[in-house]
Amino acid sequence: PKVTKDSAAKPGQAEYEASCAACHATDQMGAPAVGDKDAWVKVMEKGMDKVLANAINGTGGMPPKGGNKDLTNKQVKDIVKFMVESSK
């Protein structure tokens, strides 16, 4: 979801758009696409703690913090929560 002047950004949304959307906006990069409910149901089978750890530390082809080392762990957690909530 894009931020418009009339909508309030959700926690993690701006950071998602800046650092994560390149791979998570579609499934073309092999990452679960935001908005793909079935893909995120499968991801969440691991549990939120594991999903957060993977986002912070990297997993498979995803580098730690999605390649943005300047993100704090809290920002990464906010991004993951934004992506999960946007995919329900």
Protein backbone atom coordinates (compact mmCIF):
# COMPACT_ATOMS: atom_id res chain seq x y z
CA PRO A 1 0.00 0.00 0.00
CA LYS A 2 1.25 3.44 -0.89
CA VAL A 3 1.13 6.39 1.47
CA THR A 4 -1.01 9.25 0.21
CA LYS A 5 -1.36 12.71 1.64
CA ASP A 6 -4.82 11.78 2.91
CA SER A 7 -3.80 8.57 4.69
CA ALA A 8 -1.80 8.11 7.84
CA ALA A 9 1.21 5.84 7.47
CA LYS A 10 1.20 2.71 9.60
CA PRO A 11 4.26 1.85 11.70
CA GLY A 12 6.83 0.24 9.44
CA GLN A 13 5.15 1.31 6.20
CA ALA A 14 7.64 4.00 5.16
CA GLU A 15 10.60 1.74 5.96
CA TYR A 16 8.95 -1.12 4.04
CA GLU A 17 8.53 1.10 0.99
CA ALA A 18 12.12 2.34 1.21
CA SER A 19 13.90 -0.93 2.00
CA CYS A 20 11.68 -3.95 1.35
CA ALA A 21 9.19 -3.26 -1.44
CA ALA A 22 11.72 -4.01 -4.18
CA CYS A 23 11.52 -7.71 -3.27
CA HIS A 24 8.21 -7.96 -1.39
CA ALA A 25 5.90 -5.90 -3.65
CA THR A 26 5.57 -8.93 -5.96
CA ASP A 27 6.66 -12.54 -5.72
CA GLN A 28 9.03 -12.24 -8.69
CA MET A 29 12.10 -12.17 -6.43
CA GLY A 30 10.99 -15.28 -4.57
CA ALA A 31 9.98 -13.32 -1.48
CA PRO A 32 6.41 -13.52 -0.17
CA ALA A 33 4.53 -10.61 -1.68
CA VAL A 34 2.75 -8.21 0.63
CA GLY A 35 -0.95 -8.76 0.13
CA ASP A 36 -0.58 -12.45 -0.79
CA LYS A 37 -2.57 -13.96 2.05
CA ASP A 38 -1.69 -17.58 1.22
CA ALA A 39 2.05 -16.87 1.04
CA TRP A 40 2.01 -15.13 4.41
CA VAL A 41 -0.07 -17.86 6.05
CA LYS A 42 2.71 -20.25 5.05
CA VAL A 43 5.43 -17.88 6.33
CA MET A 44 3.65 -17.41 9.64
CA GLU A 45 3.50 -21.18 10.24
CA LYS A 46 7.04 -20.68 11.56
CA GLY A 47 5.74 -18.33 14.25
CA MET A 48 6.33 -14.61 14.65
CA ASP A 49 9.54 -15.04 16.68
CA LYS A 50 11.18 -17.07 13.89
CA VAL A 51 9.93 -14.73 11.17
CA LEU A 52 11.34 -11.73 13.06
CA ALA A 53 14.67 -13.51 13.63
CA ASN A 54 14.88 -14.34 9.91
CA ALA A 55 14.15 -10.72 8.98
CA ILE A 56 16.81 -9.41 11.35
CA ASN A 57 19.48 -12.04 10.65
CA GLY A 58 18.67 -12.91 7.05
CA THR A 59 17.49 -16.18 5.54
CA GLY A 60 17.88 -17.86 2.17
CA GLY A 61 18.45 -15.13 -0.41
CA MET A 62 17.41 -12.33 1.95
CA PRO A 63 20.30 -10.51 3.60
CA PRO A 64 20.08 -9.36 7.23
CA LYS A 65 17.60 -6.51 7.61
CA GLY A 66 16.79 -6.80 3.92
CA GLY A 67 20.21 -5.37 3.11
CA ASN A 68 19.65 -2.11 5.00
CA LYS A 69 22.09 -2.34 7.91
CA ASP A 70 20.95 1.08 9.15
CA LEU A 71 17.55 -0.28 10.22
CA THR A 72 17.17 -0.95 13.92
CA ASN A 73 15.77 -4.26 15.12
CA LYS A 74 12.62 -2.39 16.19
CA GLN A 75 12.21 -0.93 12.71
CA VAL A 76 12.57 -4.40 11.18
CA LYS A 77 9.94 -5.72 13.59
CA ASP A 78 7.60 -2.87 12.64
CA ILE A 79 8.17 -3.65 8.94
CA VAL A 80 7.41 -7.35 9.43
CA LYS A 81 4.27 -6.55 11.40
CA PHE A 82 3.19 -4.11 8.67
CA MET A 83 3.75 -6.75 5.97
CA VAL A 84 1.88 -9.45 7.89
CA GLU A 85 -1.06 -7.16 8.72
CA SER A 86 -1.23 -5.96 5.11
CA SER A 87 -1.45 -9.57 3.94
CA LYS A 88 -4.46 -10.73 5.95
